[in-house]
PDB file of N, CA and C in Angstrom:
ATOM      1  N   MET A   1     -34.908 -30.209-103.899  1.00  0.00           N
ATOM      2  CA  MET A   1     -35.834 -31.279-103.570  1.00  0.00           C
ATOM      3  C   MET A   1     -37.022 -31.303-104.538  1.00  0.00           C
ATOM      4  N   ASP A   2     -37.500 -30.108-104.910  1.00  0.00           N
ATOM      5  CA  ASP A   2     -38.652 -30.061-105.806  1.00  0.00           C
ATOM      6  C   ASP A   2     -38.337 -30.687-107.157  1.00  0.00           C
ATOM      7  N   LYS A   3     -37.139 -30.462-107.663  1.00  0.00           N
ATOM      8  CA  LYS A   3     -36.752 -31.046-108.956  1.00  0.00           C
ATOM      9  C   LYS A   3     -36.693 -32.567-108.862  1.00  0.00           C
ATOM     10  N   ILE A   4     -36.186 -33.081-107.739  1.00  0.00           N
ATOM     11  CA  ILE A   4     -36.120 -34.539-107.561  1.00  0.00           C
ATOM     12  C   ILE A   4     -37.526 -35.108-107.450  1.00  0.00           C
ATOM     13  N   LYS A   5     -38.417 -34.427-106.744  1.00  0.00           N
ATOM     14  CA  LYS A   5     -39.806 -34.888-106.650  1.00  0.00           C
ATOM     15  C   LYS A   5     -40.453 -34.954-108.028  1.00  0.00           C
ATOM     16  N   GLN A   6     -40.123 -33.991-108.893  1.00  0.00           N
ATOM     17  CA  GLN A   6     -40.682 -33.994-110.240  1.00  0.00           C
ATOM     18  C   GLN A   6     -40.142 -35.168-111.058  1.00  0.00           C
ATOM     19  N   MET A   7     -38.876 -35.529-110.847  1.00  0.00           N
ATOM     20  CA  MET A   7     -38.260 -36.615-111.615  1.00  0.00           C
ATOM     21  C   MET A   7     -38.729 -37.983-111.147  1.00  0.00           C
ATOM     22  N   VAL A   8     -38.934 -38.144-109.834  1.00  0.00           N
ATOM     23  CA  VAL A   8     -39.241 -39.453-109.270  1.00  0.00           C
ATOM     24  C   VAL A   8     -40.702 -39.484-108.845  1.00  0.00           C
ATOM     25  N   ASP A   9     -41.545 -40.053-109.683  1.00  0.00           N
ATOM     26  CA  ASP A   9     -42.928 -40.292-109.316  1.00  0.00           C
ATOM     27  C   ASP A   9     -43.237 -41.759-109.595  1.00  0.00           C
ATOM     28  N   VAL A  10     -44.466 -42.150-109.405  1.00  0.00           N
ATOM     29  CA  VAL A  10     -44.808 -43.559-109.577  1.00  0.00           C
ATOM     30  C   VAL A  10     -44.555 -44.023-111.011  1.00  0.00           C
ATOM     31  N   ASN A  11     -44.678 -43.133-111.997  1.00  0.00           N
ATOM     32  CA  ASN A  11     -44.437 -43.526-113.385  1.00  0.00           C
ATOM     33  C   ASN A  11     -42.963 -43.764-113.673  1.00  0.00           C
ATOM     34  N   THR A  12     -42.078 -43.305-112.805  1.00  0.00           N
ATOM     35  CA  THR A  12     -40.655 -43.589-112.972  1.00  0.00           C
ATOM     36  C   THR A  12     -40.360 -45.021-112.534  1.00  0.00           C
ATOM     37  N   ILE A  13     -40.996 -45.458-111.453  1.00  0.00           N
ATOM     38  CA  ILE A  13     -40.746 -46.799-110.913  1.00  0.00           C
ATOM     39  C   ILE A  13     -41.554 -47.836-111.693  1.00  0.00           C
ATOM     40  N   ILE A  14     -42.844 -47.646-111.780  1.00  0.00           N
ATOM     41  CA  ILE A  14     -43.716 -48.510-112.578  1.00  0.00           C
ATOM     42  C   ILE A  14     -44.097 -47.690-113.802  1.00  0.00           C
ATOM     43  N   GLY A  15     -43.527 -48.042-114.943  1.00  0.00           N
ATOM     44  CA  GLY A  15     -43.724 -47.255-116.160  1.00  0.00           C
ATOM     45  C   GLY A  15     -45.114 -47.392-116.746  1.00  0.00           C
ATOM     46  N   ASP A  16     -45.369 -46.605-117.766  1.00  0.00           N
ATOM     47  CA  ASP A  16     -46.654 -46.659-118.462  1.00  0.00           C
ATOM     48  C   ASP A  16     -46.789 -47.993-119.190  1.00  0.00           C
ATOM     49  N   PRO A  17     -47.953 -48.631-119.096  1.00  0.00           N
ATOM     50  CA  PRO A  17     -48.164 -49.911-119.789  1.00  0.00           C
ATOM     51  C   PRO A  17     -48.084 -49.749-121.303  1.00  0.00           C
ATOM     52  N   ILE A  18     -47.501 -50.746-121.952  1.00  0.00           N
ATOM     53  CA  ILE A  18     -47.394 -50.783-123.406  1.00  0.00           C
ATOM     54  C   ILE A  18     -48.180 -52.010-123.873  1.00  0.00           C
ATOM     55  N   THR A  19     -49.148 -51.803-124.766  1.00  0.00           N
ATOM     56  CA  THR A  19     -49.961 -52.914-125.256  1.00  0.00           C
ATOM     57  C   THR A  19     -49.534 -53.240-126.680  1.00  0.00           C
ATOM     58  N   THR A  20     -49.203 -54.518-126.901  1.00  0.00           N
ATOM     59  CA  THR A  20     -48.791 -54.975-128.225  1.00  0.00           C
ATOM     60  C   THR A  20     -50.029 -55.312-129.060  1.00  0.00           C
ATOM     61  N   PRO A  21     -49.885 -55.457-130.389  1.00  0.00           N
ATOM     62  CA  PRO A  21     -51.040 -55.772-131.242  1.00  0.00           C
ATOM     63  C   PRO A  21     -51.745 -57.082-130.879  1.00  0.00           C
ATOM     64  N   ASP A  22     -51.032 -58.058-130.290  1.00  0.00           N
ATOM     65  CA  ASP A  22     -51.678 -59.320-129.928  1.00  0.00           C
ATOM     66  C   ASP A  22     -52.369 -59.260-128.566  1.00  0.00           C
ATOM     67  N   GLY A  23     -52.385 -58.092-127.920  1.00  0.00           N
ATOM     68  CA  GLY A  23     -53.086 -57.927-126.649  1.00  0.00           C
ATOM     69  C   GLY A  23     -52.216 -58.093-125.420  1.00  0.00           C
ATOM     70  N   THR A  24     -50.954 -58.413-125.582  1.00  0.00           N
ATOM     71  CA  THR A  24     -50.044 -58.554-124.455  1.00  0.00           C
ATOM     72  C   THR A  24     -49.692 -57.164-123.916  1.00  0.00           C
ATOM     73  N   THR A  25     -49.709 -57.034-122.592  1.00  0.00           N
ATOM     74  CA  THR A  25     -49.363 -55.771-121.955  1.00  0.00           C
ATOM     75  C   THR A  25     -47.997 -55.908-121.293  1.00  0.00           C
ATOM     76  N   VAL A  26     -47.118 -54.954-121.541  1.00  0.00           N
ATOM     77  CA  VAL A  26     -45.770 -54.941-120.979  1.00  0.00           C
ATOM     78  C   VAL A  26     -45.633 -53.689-120.115  1.00  0.00           C
ATOM     79  N   ILE A  27     -45.228 -53.886-118.845  1.00  0.00           N
ATOM     80  CA  ILE A  27     -45.064 -52.768-117.921  1.00  0.00           C
ATOM     81  C   ILE A  27     -43.612 -52.735-117.454  1.00  0.00           C
ATOM     82  N   PRO A  28     -42.859 -51.672-117.780  1.00  0.00           N
ATOM     83  CA  PRO A  28     -41.473 -51.571-117.324  1.00  0.00           C
ATOM     84  C   PRO A  28     -41.402 -51.233-115.831  1.00  0.00           C
ATOM     85  N   ILE A  29     -40.412 -51.836-115.127  1.00  0.00           N
ATOM     86  CA  ILE A  29     -40.209 -51.604-113.696  1.00  0.00           C
ATOM     87  C   ILE A  29     -38.766 -51.175-113.485  1.00  0.00           C
ATOM     88  N   SER A  30     -38.574 -50.111-112.702  1.00  0.00           N
ATOM     89  CA  SER A  30     -37.233 -49.569-112.452  1.00  0.00           C
ATOM     90  C   SER A  30     -36.995 -49.414-110.960  1.00  0.00           C
ATOM     91  N   LYS A  31     -35.717 -49.351-110.597  1.00  0.00           N
ATOM     92  CA  LYS A  31     -35.313 -49.093-109.218  1.00  0.00           C
ATOM     93  C   LYS A  31     -34.742 -47.681-109.169  1.00  0.00           C
ATOM     94  N   VAL A  32     -35.221 -46.893-108.215  1.00  0.00           N
ATOM     95  CA  VAL A  32     -34.768 -45.510-108.073  1.00  0.00           C
ATOM     96  C   VAL A  32     -34.025 -45.384-106.753  1.00  0.00           C
ATOM     97  N   SER A  33     -32.808 -44.837-106.819  1.00  0.00           N
ATOM     98  CA  SER A  33     -31.997 -44.596-105.620  1.00  0.00           C
ATOM     99  C   SER A  33     -31.544 -43.147-105.639  1.00  0.00           C
ATOM    100  N   TYR A  34     -31.526 -42.529-104.476  1.00  0.00           N
ATOM    101  CA  TYR A  34     -31.013 -41.169-104.408  1.00  0.00           C
ATOM    102  C   TYR A  34     -30.353 -40.945-103.057  1.00  0.00           C
ATOM    103  N   GLY A  35     -29.463 -39.967-103.016  1.00  0.00           N
ATOM    104  CA  GLY A  35     -28.738 -39.673-101.787  1.00  0.00           C
ATOM    105  C   GLY A  35     -28.322 -38.216-101.731  1.00  0.00           C
ATOM    106  N   PHE A  36     -28.077 -37.767-100.525  1.00  0.00           N
ATOM    107  CA  PHE A  36     -27.672 -36.384-100.285  1.00  0.00           C
ATOM    108  C   PHE A  36     -26.457 -36.390 -99.379  1.00  0.00           C
ATOM    109  N   ALA A  37     -25.610 -35.388 -99.543  1.00  0.00           N
ATOM    110  CA  ALA A  37     -24.437 -35.250 -98.679  1.00  0.00           C
ATOM    111  C   ALA A  37     -24.125 -33.762 -98.516  1.00  0.00           C
ATOM    112  N   SER A  38     -23.626 -33.417 -97.355  1.00  0.00           N
ATOM    113  CA  SER A  38     -23.188 -32.038 -97.135  1.00  0.00           C
ATOM    114  C   SER A  38     -22.145 -32.039 -96.036  1.00  0.00           C
ATOM    115  N   GLY A  39     -21.367 -31.000 -96.013  1.00  0.00           N
ATOM    116  CA  GLY A  39     -20.323 -30.879 -94.991  1.00  0.00           C
ATOM    117  C   GLY A  39     -19.812 -29.458 -94.926  1.00  0.00           C
ATOM    118  N   GLY A  40     -19.156 -29.157 -93.849  1.00  0.00           N
ATOM    119  CA  GLY A  40     -18.618 -27.816 -93.707  1.00  0.00           C
ATOM    120  C   GLY A  40     -17.617 -27.755 -92.566  1.00  0.00           C
ATOM    121  N   THR A  41     -16.868 -26.672 -92.527  1.00  0.00           N
ATOM    122  CA  THR A  41     -15.868 -26.503 -91.482  1.00  0.00           C
ATOM    123  C   THR A  41     -15.600 -25.015 -91.265  1.00  0.00           C
ATOM    124  N   ASP A  42     -15.243 -24.663 -90.060  1.00  0.00           N
ATOM    125  CA  ASP A  42     -14.743 -23.322 -89.749  1.00  0.00           C
ATOM    126  C   ASP A  42     -13.232 -23.425 -89.674  1.00  0.00           C
ATOM    127  N   LEU A  43     -12.567 -22.726 -90.549  1.00  0.00           N
ATOM    128  CA  LEU A  43     -11.109 -22.792 -90.586  1.00  0.00           C
ATOM    129  C   LEU A  43     -10.524 -21.842 -89.535  1.00  0.00           C
ATOM    130  N   PRO A  44      -9.609 -22.308 -88.726  1.00  0.00           N
ATOM    131  CA  PRO A  44      -8.994 -21.428 -87.717  1.00  0.00           C
ATOM    132  C   PRO A  44      -8.007 -20.455 -88.386  1.00  0.00           C
ATOM    133  N   THR A  45      -8.179 -19.158 -88.139  1.00  0.00           N
ATOM    134  CA  THR A  45      -7.282 -18.140 -88.682  1.00  0.00           C
ATOM    135  C   THR A  45      -7.039 -17.069 -87.625  1.00  0.00           C
ATOM    136  N   LYS A  46      -6.029 -16.255 -87.873  1.00  0.00           N
ATOM    137  CA  LYS A  46      -5.720 -15.165 -86.954  1.00  0.00           C
ATOM    138  C   LYS A  46      -6.468 -13.893 -87.330  1.00  0.00           C
ATOM    139  N   SER A  47      -7.030 -13.853 -88.541  1.00  0.00           N
ATOM    140  CA  SER A  47      -7.760 -12.663 -88.974  1.00  0.00           C
ATOM    141  C   SER A  47      -9.213 -12.748 -88.495  1.00  0.00           C
ATOM    142  N   PRO A  48      -9.868 -11.612 -88.315  1.00  0.00           N
ATOM    143  CA  PRO A  48     -11.241 -11.620 -87.825  1.00  0.00           C
ATOM    144  C   PRO A  48     -12.279 -12.005 -88.882  1.00  0.00           C
ATOM    145  N   LYS A  49     -11.837 -12.220 -90.117  1.00  0.00           N
ATOM    146  CA  LYS A  49     -12.782 -12.595 -91.161  1.00  0.00           C
ATOM    147  C   LYS A  49     -13.361 -13.978 -90.881  1.00  0.00           C
ATOM    148  N   GLU A  50     -14.587 -14.128 -91.328  1.00  0.00           N
ATOM    149  CA  GLU A  50     -15.232 -15.429 -91.185  1.00  0.00           C
ATOM    150  C   GLU A  50     -14.705 -16.342 -92.292  1.00  0.00           C
ATOM    151  N   THR A  51     -14.229 -17.511 -91.950  1.00  0.00           N
ATOM    152  CA  THR A  51     -13.657 -18.431 -92.942  1.00  0.00           C
ATOM    153  C   THR A  51     -14.355 -19.785 -92.852  1.00  0.00           C
ATOM    154  N   PHE A  52     -15.558 -19.793 -93.309  1.00  0.00           N
ATOM    155  CA  PHE A  52     -16.335 -21.033 -93.323  1.00  0.00           C
ATOM    156  C   PHE A  52     -16.232 -21.653 -94.705  1.00  0.00           C
ATOM    157  N   GLY A  53     -16.018 -22.953 -94.752  1.00  0.00           N
ATOM    158  CA  GLY A  53     -16.004 -23.683 -96.021  1.00  0.00           C
ATOM    159  C   GLY A  53     -17.092 -24.739 -95.981  1.00  0.00           C
ATOM    160  N   GLY A  54     -17.933 -24.807 -96.989  1.00  0.00           N
ATOM    161  CA  GLY A  54     -19.018 -25.784 -97.006  1.00  0.00           C
ATOM    162  C   GLY A  54     -19.267 -26.310 -98.398  1.00  0.00           C
ATOM    163  N   VAL A  55     -19.888 -27.468 -98.440  1.00  0.00           N
ATOM    164  CA  VAL A  55     -20.191 -28.108 -99.709  1.00  0.00           C
ATOM    165  C   VAL A  55     -21.441 -28.980 -99.536  1.00  0.00           C
ATOM    166  N   GLY A  56     -22.178 -29.160-100.595  1.00  0.00           N
ATOM    167  CA  GLY A  56     -23.349 -30.028-100.567  1.00  0.00           C
ATOM    168  C   GLY A  56     -23.570 -30.645-101.933  1.00  0.00           C
ATOM    169  N   GLY A  57     -24.299 -31.726-101.966  1.00  0.00           N
ATOM    170  CA  GLY A  57     -24.555 -32.373-103.248  1.00  0.00           C
ATOM    171  C   GLY A  57     -25.659 -33.407-103.142  1.00  0.00           C
ATOM    172  N   ALA A  58     -26.165 -33.801-104.275  1.00  0.00           N
ATOM    173  CA  ALA A  58     -27.205 -34.821-104.337  1.00  0.00           C
ATOM    174  C   ALA A  58     -27.010 -35.633-105.608  1.00  0.00           C
ATOM    175  N   GLY A  59     -27.482 -36.848-105.567  1.00  0.00           N
ATOM    176  CA  GLY A  59     -27.387 -37.704-106.748  1.00  0.00           C
ATOM    177  C   GLY A  59     -28.597 -38.606-106.846  1.00  0.00           C
ATOM    178  N   ILE A  60     -28.930 -39.003-108.060  1.00  0.00           N
ATOM    179  CA  ILE A  60     -30.064 -39.896-108.284  1.00  0.00           C
ATOM    180  C   ILE A  60     -29.669 -40.935-109.333  1.00  0.00           C
ATOM    181  N   SER A  61     -30.178 -42.144-109.160  1.00  0.00           N
ATOM    182  CA  SER A  61     -29.906 -43.223-110.100  1.00  0.00           C
ATOM    183  C   SER A  61     -31.218 -43.931-110.419  1.00  0.00           C
ATOM    184  N   ILE A  62     -31.508 -44.099-111.689  1.00  0.00           N
ATOM    185  CA  ILE A  62     -32.687 -44.847-112.131  1.00  0.00           C
ATOM    186  C   ILE A  62     -32.187 -46.032-112.939  1.00  0.00           C
ATOM    187  N   GLN A  63     -32.473 -47.243-112.439  1.00  0.00           N
ATOM    188  CA  GLN A  63     -31.968 -48.465-113.070  1.00  0.00           C
ATOM    189  C   GLN A  63     -33.136 -49.362-113.465  1.00  0.00           C
ATOM    190  N   PRO A  64     -33.312 -49.655-114.755  1.00  0.00           N
ATOM    191  CA  PRO A  64     -34.372 -50.592-115.145  1.00  0.00           C
ATOM    192  C   PRO A  64     -34.040 -51.989-114.623  1.00  0.00           C
ATOM    193  N   ILE A  65     -35.033 -52.658-114.017  1.00  0.00           N
ATOM    194  CA  ILE A  65     -34.761 -53.987-113.459  1.00  0.00           C
ATOM    195  C   ILE A  65     -35.548 -55.094-114.144  1.00  0.00           C
ATOM    196  N   GLY A  66     -36.630 -54.749-114.853  1.00  0.00           N
ATOM    197  CA  GLY A  66     -37.373 -55.809-115.510  1.00  0.00           C
ATOM    198  C   GLY A  66     -38.655 -55.315-116.143  1.00  0.00           C
ATOM    199  N   PHE A  67     -39.437 -56.280-116.630  1.00  0.00           N
ATOM    200  CA  PHE A  67     -40.714 -55.994-117.266  1.00  0.00           C
ATOM    201  C   PHE A  67     -41.753 -56.970-116.741  1.00  0.00           C
ATOM    202  N   LEU A  68     -42.929 -56.457-116.435  1.00  0.00           N
ATOM    203  CA  LEU A  68     -44.067 -57.284-116.069  1.00  0.00           C
ATOM    204  C   LEU A  68     -44.853 -57.526-117.348  1.00  0.00           C
ATOM    205  N   VAL A  69     -44.987 -58.789-117.763  1.00  0.00           N
ATOM    206  CA  VAL A  69     -45.650 -59.135-119.022  1.00  0.00           C
ATOM    207  C   VAL A  69     -46.959 -59.840-118.706  1.00  0.00           C
ATOM    208  N   ILE A  70     -48.059 -59.274-119.205  1.00  0.00           N
ATOM    209  CA  ILE A  70     -49.389 -59.819-118.954  1.00  0.00           C
ATOM    210  C   ILE A  70     -49.998 -60.186-120.293  1.00  0.00           C
ATOM    211  N   GLY A  71     -50.315 -61.471-120.468  1.00  0.00           N
ATOM    212  CA  GLY A  71     -50.906 -61.912-121.726  1.00  0.00           C
ATOM    213  C   GLY A  71     -51.380 -63.335-121.654  1.00  0.00           C
ATOM    214  N   ASN A  72     -52.446 -63.656-122.363  1.00  0.00           N
ATOM    215  CA  ASN A  72     -53.015 -65.012-122.426  1.00  0.00           C
ATOM    216  C   ASN A  72     -53.337 -65.568-121.052  1.00  0.00           C
ATOM    217  N   GLY A  73     -53.777 -64.727-120.144  1.00  0.00           N
ATOM    218  CA  GLY A  73     -54.131 -65.185-118.803  1.00  0.00           C
ATOM    219  C   GLY A  73     -52.940 -65.447-117.898  1.00  0.00           C
ATOM    220  N   ASN A  74     -51.742 -65.096-118.316  1.00  0.00           N
ATOM    221  CA  ASN A  74     -50.531 -65.320-117.518  1.00  0.00           C
ATOM    222  C   ASN A  74     -49.865 -63.993-117.195  1.00  0.00           C
ATOM    223  N   VAL A  75     -49.192 -63.957-116.055  1.00  0.00           N
ATOM    224  CA  VAL A  75     -48.396 -62.793-115.657  1.00  0.00           C
ATOM    225  C   VAL A  75     -46.987 -63.292-115.380  1.00  0.00           C
ATOM    226  N   LYS A  76     -45.994 -62.680-116.010  1.00  0.00           N
ATOM    227  CA  LYS A  76     -44.595 -63.085-115.822  1.00  0.00           C
ATOM    228  C   LYS A  76     -43.739 -61.856-115.570  1.00  0.00           C
ATOM    229  N   LEU A  77     -42.714 -62.019-114.750  1.00  0.00           N
ATOM    230  CA  LEU A  77     -41.736 -60.972-114.526  1.00  0.00           C
ATOM    231  C   LEU A  77     -40.471 -61.352-115.272  1.00  0.00           C
ATOM    232  N   LEU A  78     -40.069 -60.546-116.238  1.00  0.00           N
ATOM    233  CA  LEU A  78     -38.830 -60.772-116.985  1.00  0.00           C
ATOM    234  C   LEU A  78     -37.775 -59.839-116.408  1.00  0.00           C
ATOM    235  N   GLN A  79     -36.789 -60.404-115.727  1.00  0.00           N
ATOM    236  CA  GLN A  79     -35.745 -59.596-115.107  1.00  0.00           C
ATOM    237  C   GLN A  79     -34.641 -59.297-116.100  1.00  0.00           C
ATOM    238  N   LEU A  80     -34.095 -58.086-116.021  1.00  0.00           N
ATOM    239  CA  LEU A  80     -32.988 -57.718-116.896  1.00  0.00           C
ATOM    240  C   LEU A  80     -31.662 -58.238-116.373  1.00  0.00           C
ATOM    241  N   SER A  81     -31.513 -58.310-115.059  1.00  0.00           N
ATOM    242  CA  SER A  81     -30.282 -58.842-114.479  1.00  0.00           C
ATOM    243  C   SER A  81     -30.644 -59.969-113.531  1.00  0.00           C
ATOM    244  N   THR A  82     -29.762 -60.930-113.428  1.00  0.00           N
ATOM    245  CA  THR A  82     -30.027 -62.056-112.548  1.00  0.00           C
ATOM    246  C   THR A  82     -29.406 -61.815-111.185  1.00  0.00           C
ATOM    247  N   ALA A  83     -30.021 -62.397-110.176  1.00  0.00           N
ATOM    248  CA  ALA A  83     -29.493 -62.278-108.817  1.00  0.00           C
ATOM    249  C   ALA A  83     -28.225 -63.103-108.705  1.00  0.00           C
ATOM    250  N   GLU A  84     -27.268 -62.591-107.950  1.00  0.00           N
ATOM    251  CA  GLU A  84     -25.984 -63.269-107.864  1.00  0.00           C
ATOM    252  C   GLU A  84     -25.812 -64.105-106.605  1.00  0.00           C
ATOM    253  N   ASN A  85     -26.759 -64.037-105.669  1.00  0.00           N
ATOM    254  CA  ASN A  85     -26.583 -64.871-104.488  1.00  0.00           C
ATOM    255  C   ASN A  85     -27.629 -65.983-104.467  1.00  0.00           C
ATOM    256  N   THR A  86     -27.366 -66.995-103.697  1.00  0.00           N
ATOM    257  CA  THR A  86     -28.172 -68.218-103.692  1.00  0.00           C
ATOM    258  C   THR A  86     -29.597 -67.957-103.227  1.00  0.00           C
ATOM    259  N   VAL A  87     -29.763 -67.163-102.186  1.00  0.00           N
ATOM    260  CA  VAL A  87     -31.106 -66.910-101.656  1.00  0.00           C
ATOM    261  C   VAL A  87     -31.975 -66.239-102.714  1.00  0.00           C
ATOM    262  N   ASN A  88     -31.451 -65.222-103.390  1.00  0.00           N
ATOM    263  CA  ASN A  88     -32.235 -64.563-104.428  1.00  0.00           C
ATOM    264  C   ASN A  88     -32.538 -65.503-105.590  1.00  0.00           C
ATOM    265  N   ASN A  89     -31.593 -66.371-105.940  1.00  0.00           N
ATOM    266  CA  ASN A  89     -31.843 -67.341-107.008  1.00  0.00           C
ATOM    267  C   ASN A  89     -32.988 -68.269-106.635  1.00  0.00           C
ATOM    268  N   ILE A  90     -33.014 -68.728-105.385  1.00  0.00           N
ATOM    269  CA  ILE A  90     -34.085 -69.632-104.937  1.00  0.00           C
ATOM    270  C   ILE A  90     -35.428 -68.914-104.969  1.00  0.00           C
ATOM    271  N   VAL A  91     -35.470 -67.691-104.459  1.00  0.00           N
ATOM    272  CA  VAL A  91     -36.720 -66.921-104.460  1.00  0.00           C
ATOM    273  C   VAL A  91     -37.201 -66.687-105.887  1.00  0.00           C
ATOM    274  N   ASN A  92     -36.294 -66.411-106.804  1.00  0.00           N
ATOM    275  CA  ASN A  92     -36.681 -66.177-108.195  1.00  0.00           C
ATOM    276  C   ASN A  92     -37.169 -67.441-108.888  1.00  0.00           C
ATOM    277  N   MET A  93     -36.750 -68.615-108.419  1.00  0.00           N
ATOM    278  CA  MET A  93     -37.157 -69.872-109.035  1.00  0.00           C
ATOM    279  C   MET A  93     -38.522 -70.357-108.536  1.00  0.00           C
ATOM    280  N   VAL A  94     -39.011 -69.841-107.411  1.00  0.00           N
ATOM    281  CA  VAL A  94     -40.248 -70.336-106.819  1.00  0.00           C
ATOM    282  C   VAL A  94     -41.436 -70.279-107.783  1.00  0.00           C
ATOM    283  N   PRO A  95     -41.730 -69.142-108.440  1.00  0.00           N
ATOM    284  CA  PRO A  95     -42.900 -69.141-109.337  1.00  0.00           C
ATOM    285  C   PRO A  95     -42.807 -70.170-110.462  1.00  0.00           C
ATOM    286  N   GLU A  96     -41.624 -70.338-111.037  1.00  0.00           N
ATOM    287  CA  GLU A  96     -41.447 -71.313-112.108  1.00  0.00           C
ATOM    288  C   GLU A  96     -41.660 -72.737-111.590  1.00  0.00           C
ATOM    289  N   MET A  97     -41.156 -73.016-110.404  1.00  0.00           N
ATOM    290  CA  MET A  97     -41.324 -74.352-109.830  1.00  0.00           C
ATOM    291  C   MET A  97     -42.797 -74.628-109.512  1.00  0.00           C
ATOM    292  N   VAL A  98     -43.517 -73.638-109.007  1.00  0.00           N
ATOM    293  CA  VAL A  98     -44.942 -73.812-108.720  1.00  0.00           C
ATOM    294  C   VAL A  98     -45.690 -74.127-110.001  1.00  0.00           C
ATOM    295  N   ASP A  99     -45.368 -73.428-111.086  1.00  0.00           N
ATOM    296  CA  ASP A  99     -46.007 -73.702-112.377  1.00  0.00           C
ATOM    297  C   ASP A  99     -45.729 -75.128-112.833  1.00  0.00           C
ATOM    298  N   LYS A 100     -44.475 -75.574-112.698  1.00  0.00           N
ATOM    299  CA  LYS A 100     -44.121 -76.933-113.137  1.00  0.00           C
ATOM    300  C   LYS A 100     -44.829 -77.989-112.300  1.00  0.00           C
ATOM    301  N   VAL A 101     -44.838 -77.803-110.987  1.00  0.00           N
ATOM    302  CA  VAL A 101     -45.479 -78.787-110.103  1.00  0.00           C
ATOM    303  C   VAL A 101     -46.979 -78.833-110.358  1.00  0.00           C
ATOM    304  N   SER A 102     -47.618 -77.675-110.487  1.00  0.00           N
ATOM    305  CA  SER A 102     -49.063 -77.671-110.756  1.00  0.00           C
ATOM    306  C   SER A 102     -49.352 -78.274-112.124  1.00  0.00           C
ATOM    307  N   GLY A 103     -48.448 -78.085-113.087  1.00  0.00           N
ATOM    308  CA  GLY A 103     -48.609 -78.702-114.401  1.00  0.00           C
ATOM    309  C   GLY A 103     -48.520 -80.217-114.332  1.00  0.00           C
ATOM    310  N   ILE A 104     -47.617 -80.721-113.502  1.00  0.00           N
ATOM    311  CA  ILE A 104     -47.473 -82.176-113.341  1.00  0.00           C
ATOM    312  C   ILE A 104     -48.740 -82.762-112.731  1.00  0.00           C
ATOM    313  N   PHE A 105     -49.243 -82.101-111.659  1.00  0.00           N
ATOM    314  CA  PHE A 105     -50.446 -82.611-111.003  1.00  0.00           C
ATOM    315  C   PHE A 105     -51.668 -82.521-111.906  1.00  0.00           C
ATOM    316  N   SER A 106     -51.791 -81.455-112.665  1.00  0.00           N
ATOM    317  CA  SER A 106     -52.964 -81.324-113.544  1.00  0.00           C
ATOM    318  C   SER A 106     -52.892 -82.330-114.686  1.00  0.00           C
ATOM    319  N   SER A 107     -51.678 -82.621-115.203  1.00  0.00           N
ATOM    320  CA  SER A 107     -51.578 -83.604-116.288  1.00  0.00           C
ATOM    321  C   SER A 107     -51.846 -85.015-115.784  1.00  0.00           C
ATOM    322  N   SER A 108     -51.392 -85.337-114.562  1.00  0.00           N
ATOM    323  CA  SER A 108     -51.659 -86.675-114.029  1.00  0.00           C
ATOM    324  C   SER A 108     -53.138 -86.821-113.681  1.00  0.00           C
ATOM    325  N   LYS A 109     -53.789 -85.742-113.234  1.00  0.00           N
ATOM    326  CA  LYS A 109     -55.216 -85.777-112.928  1.00  0.00           C
ATOM    327  C   LYS A 109     -56.015 -85.972-114.208  1.00  0.00           C
ATOM    328  N   THR A 110     -55.598 -85.317-115.291  1.00  0.00           N
ATOM    329  CA  THR A 110     -56.265 -85.451-116.582  1.00  0.00           C
ATOM    330  C   THR A 110     -56.139 -86.872-117.097  1.00  0.00           C
ATOM    331  N   LYS A 111     -54.945 -87.479-116.934  1.00  0.00           N
ATOM    332  CA  LYS A 111     -54.740 -88.866-117.379  1.00  0.00           C
ATOM    333  C   LYS A 111     -55.638 -89.818-116.606  1.00  0.00           C
ATOM    334  N   LYS A 112     -55.762 -89.624-115.274  1.00  0.00           N
ATOM    335  CA  LYS A 112     -56.609 -90.486-114.462  1.00  0.00           C
ATOM    336  C   LYS A 112     -58.074 -90.345-114.875  1.00  0.00           C
ATOM    337  N   GLU A 113     -58.509 -89.122-115.180  1.00  0.00           N
ATOM    338  CA  GLU A 113     -59.891 -88.915-115.608  1.00  0.00           C
ATOM    339  C   GLU A 113     -60.163 -89.586-116.951  1.00  0.00           C
ATOM    340  N   GLU A 114     -59.170 -89.511-117.865  1.00  0.00           N
ATOM    341  CA  GLU A 114     -59.331 -90.151-119.162  1.00  0.00           C
ATOM    342  C   GLU A 114     -59.407 -91.666-119.011  1.00  0.00           C
ATOM    343  N   GLU A 115     -58.568 -92.232-118.129  1.00  0.00           N
ATOM    344  CA  GLU A 115     -58.596 -93.689-117.900  1.00  0.00           C
ATOM    345  C   GLU A 115     -59.899 -94.120-117.263  1.00  0.00           C
ATOM    346  N   ALA A 116     -60.443 -93.303-116.371  1.00  0.00           N
ATOM    347  CA  ALA A 116     -61.708 -93.649-115.723  1.00  0.00           C
ATOM    348  C   ALA A 116     -62.869 -93.583-116.700  1.00  0.00           C
ATOM    349  N   ASN A 117     -62.795 -92.688-117.679  1.00  0.00           N
ATOM    350  CA  ASN A 117     -63.871 -92.555-118.659  1.00  0.00           C
ATOM    351  C   ASN A 117     -63.841 -93.659-119.714  1.00  0.00           C
ATOM    352  N   GLN A 118     -62.737 -94.377-119.841  1.00  0.00           N
ATOM    353  CA  GLN A 118     -62.617 -95.420-120.890  1.00  0.00           C
ATOM    354  C   GLN A 118     -63.150 -96.695-120.428  1.00  0.00           C
TER     355      GLN A 118
END
């Protein structure tokens, strides 16, 4: 357990920020999964010897899932893999749609202000 605790800390999930020369900050994000298993049995025998059989094991998986990119006043999540089901696709599209809709409203508001000033 101690070795796994050493491997999996906050820097494993949210990596160290990387700053590019133009001031953009990139933060890697990973998914960490781990599991444990064990089992054993007492084998029936006619001899008085103890015949216990046991086994145990553990596994860990670290999978990079994306990068958080911060630059020019914007924050974006760049995913390495795309979601394969419809619900996840819709959830992933929400931030982009909000940006587009707010862009439409701000451009139409700017046009109205320009027309009013003329």
